[in-house]
């Protein structure tokens, strides 16, 4: 029964374009809507169709609370973006960062760490790598272009035998 509780952390898998755009807004000194929720992101045209994934990522990082209200970390990002993000990454991904030395982290190890399904794990890994990049955490062994497993799926050969 202990195995059910082992994977308590649900790592976010937002699309990077939406997160990049959102974090650019966060860095604006006067921008602070409340609540920050799916409807706000839709009005902004941010994360089209994947707004819920962006909201989950913001909650995971502690940038907004469960009601979508910006937290102290939201304000800290405005004041000191990179150091604040570095602290958040080190806190939220502490188990991963203690398991692998940052110089040895590679895409396949990240995808394996995040688990199944592999397509989701790839988005989780891409997000982690992007966060590290934004936070100034160097991952020298991670490939610059992520290989996607969905492109590895073999198509069934079509049998065109005539009867």
C-alpha atoms as a PDB file:
ATOM      1  CA  UNK A   1       0.000   0.000   0.000  1.00  0.00           C
ATOM      2  CA  UNK A   2       2.937   2.374   0.547  1.00  0.00           C
ATOM      3  CA  UNK A   3       3.569   2.540  -3.205  1.00  0.00           C
ATOM      4  CA  UNK A   4       0.315   4.448  -3.801  1.00  0.00           C
ATOM      5  CA  UNK A   5       1.486   7.398  -1.674  1.00  0.00           C
ATOM      6  CA  UNK A   6       5.025   7.531  -3.090  1.00  0.00           C
ATOM      7  CA  UNK A   7       4.223   9.791  -6.065  1.00  0.00           C
ATOM      8  CA  UNK A   8       2.442  12.548  -4.129  1.00  0.00           C
ATOM      9  CA  UNK A   9       3.898  15.440  -6.166  1.00  0.00           C
ATOM     10  CA  UNK A  10       2.033  16.198  -9.392  1.00  0.00           C
ATOM     11  CA  UNK A  11       4.508  18.069 -11.548  1.00  0.00           C
ATOM     12  CA  UNK A  12       3.055  20.602 -13.982  1.00  0.00           C
ATOM     13  CA  UNK A  13       3.191  20.224 -17.758  1.00  0.00           C
ATOM     14  CA  UNK A  14       2.285  23.623 -19.220  1.00  0.00           C
ATOM     15  CA  UNK A  15       3.137  24.638 -22.748  1.00  0.00           C
ATOM     16  CA  UNK A  16       6.206  26.848 -22.757  1.00  0.00           C
ATOM     17  CA  UNK A  17       4.845  29.563 -25.032  1.00  0.00           C
ATOM     18  CA  UNK A  18       2.068  30.387 -22.571  1.00  0.00           C
ATOM     19  CA  UNK A  19       4.424  30.307 -19.577  1.00  0.00           C
ATOM     20  CA  UNK A  20       6.969  32.526 -21.317  1.00  0.00           C
ATOM     21  CA  UNK A  21       4.314  35.090 -22.145  1.00  0.00           C
ATOM     22  CA  UNK A  22       2.877  34.996 -18.642  1.00  0.00           C
ATOM     23  CA  UNK A  23       6.291  35.430 -16.997  1.00  0.00           C
ATOM     24  CA  UNK A  24       6.938  38.458 -19.204  1.00  0.00           C
ATOM     25  CA  UNK A  25       3.773  40.006 -17.757  1.00  0.00           C
ATOM     26  CA  UNK A  26       4.847  39.106 -14.220  1.00  0.00           C
ATOM     27  CA  UNK A  27       8.022  41.121 -14.701  1.00  0.00           C
ATOM     28  CA  UNK A  28       6.024  44.270 -15.508  1.00  0.00           C
ATOM     29  CA  UNK A  29       6.208  46.411 -12.341  1.00  0.00           C
ATOM     30  CA  UNK A  30       2.527  47.441 -12.277  1.00  0.00           C
ATOM     31  CA  UNK A  31       0.758  44.329 -13.616  1.00  0.00           C
ATOM     32  CA  UNK A  32      -1.033  42.415 -10.840  1.00  0.00           C
ATOM     33  CA  UNK A  33      -4.524  41.178 -11.695  1.00  0.00           C
ATOM     34  CA  UNK A  34      -6.497  39.142  -9.223  1.00  0.00           C
ATOM     35  CA  UNK A  35      -7.610  36.486  -9.538  1.00  0.00           C
ATOM     36  CA  UNK A  36      -5.276  34.930 -12.050  1.00  0.00           C
ATOM     37  CA  UNK A  37      -7.385  32.133 -13.466  1.00  0.00           C
ATOM     38  CA  UNK A  38      -8.377  30.368 -16.673  1.00  0.00           C
ATOM     39  CA  UNK A  39     -10.826  33.111 -17.656  1.00  0.00           C
ATOM     40  CA  UNK A  40      -8.133  35.805 -17.308  1.00  0.00           C
ATOM     41  CA  UNK A  41      -5.712  33.818 -19.464  1.00  0.00           C
ATOM     42  CA  UNK A  42      -8.438  33.312 -22.078  1.00  0.00           C
ATOM     43  CA  UNK A  43      -9.131  37.064 -22.167  1.00  0.00           C
ATOM     44  CA  UNK A  44      -5.393  37.672 -22.583  1.00  0.00           C
ATOM     45  CA  UNK A  45      -5.133  35.057 -25.342  1.00  0.00           C
ATOM     46  CA  UNK A  46      -2.485  33.284 -23.267  1.00  0.00           C
ATOM     47  CA  UNK A  47      -1.946  29.497 -23.395  1.00  0.00           C
ATOM     48  CA  UNK A  48      -4.728  28.980 -25.953  1.00  0.00           C
ATOM     49  CA  UNK A  49      -6.593  25.819 -25.043  1.00  0.00           C
ATOM     50  CA  UNK A  50      -4.097  24.949 -22.299  1.00  0.00           C
ATOM     51  CA  UNK A  51      -4.889  27.716 -19.804  1.00  0.00           C
ATOM     52  CA  UNK A  52      -5.608  25.196 -17.041  1.00  0.00           C
ATOM     53  CA  UNK A  53      -2.088  23.759 -17.390  1.00  0.00           C
ATOM     54  CA  UNK A  54      -0.564  27.214 -16.972  1.00  0.00           C
ATOM     55  CA  UNK A  55      -2.692  27.871 -13.872  1.00  0.00           C
ATOM     56  CA  UNK A  56      -1.602  24.519 -12.372  1.00  0.00           C
ATOM     57  CA  UNK A  57       2.051  25.435 -13.000  1.00  0.00           C
ATOM     58  CA  UNK A  58       1.627  28.839 -11.335  1.00  0.00           C
ATOM     59  CA  UNK A  59       0.008  27.175  -8.300  1.00  0.00           C
ATOM     60  CA  UNK A  60       2.734  24.515  -8.171  1.00  0.00           C
ATOM     61  CA  UNK A  61       5.424  27.202  -8.113  1.00  0.00           C
ATOM     62  CA  UNK A  62       3.527  29.150  -5.436  1.00  0.00           C
ATOM     63  CA  UNK A  63       3.112  32.246  -7.618  1.00  0.00           C
ATOM     64  CA  UNK A  64      -0.664  32.180  -7.073  1.00  0.00           C
ATOM     65  CA  UNK A  65      -2.695  30.509  -4.349  1.00  0.00           C
ATOM     66  CA  UNK A  66      -5.568  28.062  -4.876  1.00  0.00           C
ATOM     67  CA  UNK A  67      -8.011  30.965  -5.380  1.00  0.00           C
ATOM     68  CA  UNK A  68      -5.736  32.518  -8.028  1.00  0.00           C
ATOM     69  CA  UNK A  69      -4.608  35.374  -5.818  1.00  0.00           C
ATOM     70  CA  UNK A  70      -0.996  36.459  -6.439  1.00  0.00           C
ATOM     71  CA  UNK A  71       1.259  35.449  -3.554  1.00  0.00           C
ATOM     72  CA  UNK A  72       4.333  37.001  -1.995  1.00  0.00           C
ATOM     73  CA  UNK A  73       6.394  35.003  -4.525  1.00  0.00           C
ATOM     74  CA  UNK A  74       4.562  36.837  -7.331  1.00  0.00           C
ATOM     75  CA  UNK A  75       5.775  40.117  -5.820  1.00  0.00           C
ATOM     76  CA  UNK A  76       9.264  38.697  -5.286  1.00  0.00           C
ATOM     77  CA  UNK A  77       9.474  37.749  -8.968  1.00  0.00           C
ATOM     78  CA  UNK A  78       8.690  41.368  -9.865  1.00  0.00           C
ATOM     79  CA  UNK A  79      11.469  42.662  -7.615  1.00  0.00           C
ATOM     80  CA  UNK A  80      14.141  40.046  -8.288  1.00  0.00           C
ATOM     81  CA  UNK A  81      13.066  37.652 -11.041  1.00  0.00           C
ATOM     82  CA  UNK A  82      15.972  35.255 -11.545  1.00  0.00           C
ATOM     83  CA  UNK A  83      17.009  34.727  -7.890  1.00  0.00           C
ATOM     84  CA  UNK A  84      13.376  34.253  -6.852  1.00  0.00           C
ATOM     85  CA  UNK A  85      12.744  31.750  -9.639  1.00  0.00           C
ATOM     86  CA  UNK A  86      15.954  29.901  -8.736  1.00  0.00           C
ATOM     87  CA  UNK A  87      14.788  29.590  -5.130  1.00  0.00           C
ATOM     88  CA  UNK A  88      11.360  28.324  -6.284  1.00  0.00           C
ATOM     89  CA  UNK A  89      12.906  25.736  -8.631  1.00  0.00           C
ATOM     90  CA  UNK A  90      15.288  24.510  -5.933  1.00  0.00           C
ATOM     91  CA  UNK A  91      12.399  24.212  -3.472  1.00  0.00           C
ATOM     92  CA  UNK A  92       9.773  22.640  -5.746  1.00  0.00           C
ATOM     93  CA  UNK A  93      12.158  20.268  -7.506  1.00  0.00           C
ATOM     94  CA  UNK A  94      14.376  19.530  -4.500  1.00  0.00           C
ATOM     95  CA  UNK A  95      14.014  15.752  -4.777  1.00  0.00           C
ATOM     96  CA  UNK A  96      14.980  15.733  -8.456  1.00  0.00           C
ATOM     97  CA  UNK A  97      17.911  18.096  -7.846  1.00  0.00           C
ATOM     98  CA  UNK A  98      19.170  15.949  -4.961  1.00  0.00           C
ATOM     99  CA  UNK A  99      18.878  12.780  -7.047  1.00  0.00           C
ATOM    100  CA  UNK A 100      20.911  13.997 -10.032  1.00  0.00           C
ATOM    101  CA  UNK A 101      23.888  16.347 -10.095  1.00  0.00           C
ATOM    102  CA  UNK A 102      22.849  19.212 -12.418  1.00  0.00           C
ATOM    103  CA  UNK A 103      25.850  18.498 -14.641  1.00  0.00           C
ATOM    104  CA  UNK A 104      24.542  14.956 -15.288  1.00  0.00           C
ATOM    105  CA  UNK A 105      20.862  15.706 -15.975  1.00  0.00           C
ATOM    106  CA  UNK A 106      19.823  14.590 -19.461  1.00  0.00           C
ATOM    107  CA  UNK A 107      16.484  14.498 -21.232  1.00  0.00           C
ATOM    108  CA  UNK A 108      16.038  10.728 -20.938  1.00  0.00           C
ATOM    109  CA  UNK A 109      16.738  10.816 -17.195  1.00  0.00           C
ATOM    110  CA  UNK A 110      14.212  13.633 -16.706  1.00  0.00           C
ATOM    111  CA  UNK A 111      11.514  11.871 -18.701  1.00  0.00           C
ATOM    112  CA  UNK A 112      12.160   8.684 -16.734  1.00  0.00           C
ATOM    113  CA  UNK A 113      11.998  10.615 -13.450  1.00  0.00           C
ATOM    114  CA  UNK A 114       8.634  12.201 -14.296  1.00  0.00           C
ATOM    115  CA  UNK A 115       7.214   8.805 -15.292  1.00  0.00           C
ATOM    116  CA  UNK A 116       4.203   7.780 -17.361  1.00  0.00           C
ATOM    117  CA  UNK A 117       2.672   8.687 -19.687  1.00  0.00           C
ATOM    118  CA  UNK A 118       5.847   9.583 -21.545  1.00  0.00           C
ATOM    119  CA  UNK A 119       4.169  12.355 -23.561  1.00  0.00           C
ATOM    120  CA  UNK A 120       3.249  14.178 -20.326  1.00  0.00           C
ATOM    121  CA  UNK A 121       6.665  13.465 -18.804  1.00  0.00           C
ATOM    122  CA  UNK A 122       8.264  15.142 -21.818  1.00  0.00           C
ATOM    123  CA  UNK A 123       6.261  18.320 -21.228  1.00  0.00           C
ATOM    124  CA  UNK A 124       7.149  18.169 -17.524  1.00  0.00           C
ATOM    125  CA  UNK A 125      10.827  17.762 -18.414  1.00  0.00           C
ATOM    126  CA  UNK A 126      10.722  20.601 -20.966  1.00  0.00           C
ATOM    127  CA  UNK A 127       9.118  22.862 -18.373  1.00  0.00           C
ATOM    128  CA  UNK A 128      11.739  21.954 -15.770  1.00  0.00           C
ATOM    129  CA  UNK A 129      14.565  22.683 -18.244  1.00  0.00           C
ATOM    130  CA  UNK A 130      12.974  26.019 -19.206  1.00  0.00           C
ATOM    131  CA  UNK A 131      12.570  26.980 -15.534  1.00  0.00           C
ATOM    132  CA  UNK A 132      16.224  26.153 -14.878  1.00  0.00           C
ATOM    133  CA  UNK A 133      17.249  28.238 -17.871  1.00  0.00           C
ATOM    134  CA  UNK A 134      15.164  31.182 -16.605  1.00  0.00           C
ATOM    135  CA  UNK A 135      16.548  30.733 -13.090  1.00  0.00           C
ATOM    136  CA  UNK A 136      20.187  30.624 -14.188  1.00  0.00           C
ATOM    137  CA  UNK A 137      20.625  26.960 -13.240  1.00  0.00           C
ATOM    138  CA  UNK A 138      22.908  25.473 -15.874  1.00  0.00           C
ATOM    139  CA  UNK A 139      22.117  22.000 -17.187  1.00  0.00           C
ATOM    140  CA  UNK A 140      25.083  21.427 -19.518  1.00  0.00           C
ATOM    141  CA  UNK A 141      24.186  17.839 -20.439  1.00  0.00           C
ATOM    142  CA  UNK A 142      20.577  18.473 -21.489  1.00  0.00           C
ATOM    143  CA  UNK A 143      20.043  18.400 -25.219  1.00  0.00           C
ATOM    144  CA  UNK A 144      19.100  21.800 -26.669  1.00  0.00           C
ATOM    145  CA  UNK A 145      16.344  20.327 -28.844  1.00  0.00           C
ATOM    146  CA  UNK A 146      14.007  17.924 -27.093  1.00  0.00           C
ATOM    147  CA  UNK A 147      13.344  14.655 -28.865  1.00  0.00           C
ATOM    148  CA  UNK A 148       9.654  13.736 -28.683  1.00  0.00           C
ATOM    149  CA  UNK A 149       8.583  10.119 -28.186  1.00  0.00           C
ATOM    150  CA  UNK A 150       5.416  10.638 -30.211  1.00  0.00           C
ATOM    151  CA  UNK A 151       7.601  10.832 -33.313  1.00  0.00           C
ATOM    152  CA  UNK A 152       9.002   7.364 -32.532  1.00  0.00           C
ATOM    153  CA  UNK A 153       5.679   5.577 -32.786  1.00  0.00           C
ATOM    154  CA  UNK A 154       5.745   3.203 -35.689  1.00  0.00           C
ATOM    155  CA  UNK A 155       2.810   3.077 -38.013  1.00  0.00           C
ATOM    156  CA  UNK A 156       1.300  -0.289 -38.690  1.00  0.00           C
ATOM    157  CA  UNK A 157       2.163  -1.490 -42.192  1.00  0.00           C
ATOM    158  CA  UNK A 158      -0.822  -1.508 -44.478  1.00  0.00           C
ATOM    159  CA  UNK A 159      -1.437  -4.847 -46.112  1.00  0.00           C
ATOM    160  CA  UNK A 160      -2.777  -4.332 -49.642  1.00  0.00           C
ATOM    161  CA  UNK A 161      -3.291  -7.988 -50.632  1.00  0.00           C
ATOM    162  CA  UNK A 162      -5.986  -8.448 -53.187  1.00  0.00           C
ATOM    163  CA  UNK A 163      -8.349 -11.352 -52.694  1.00  0.00           C
END
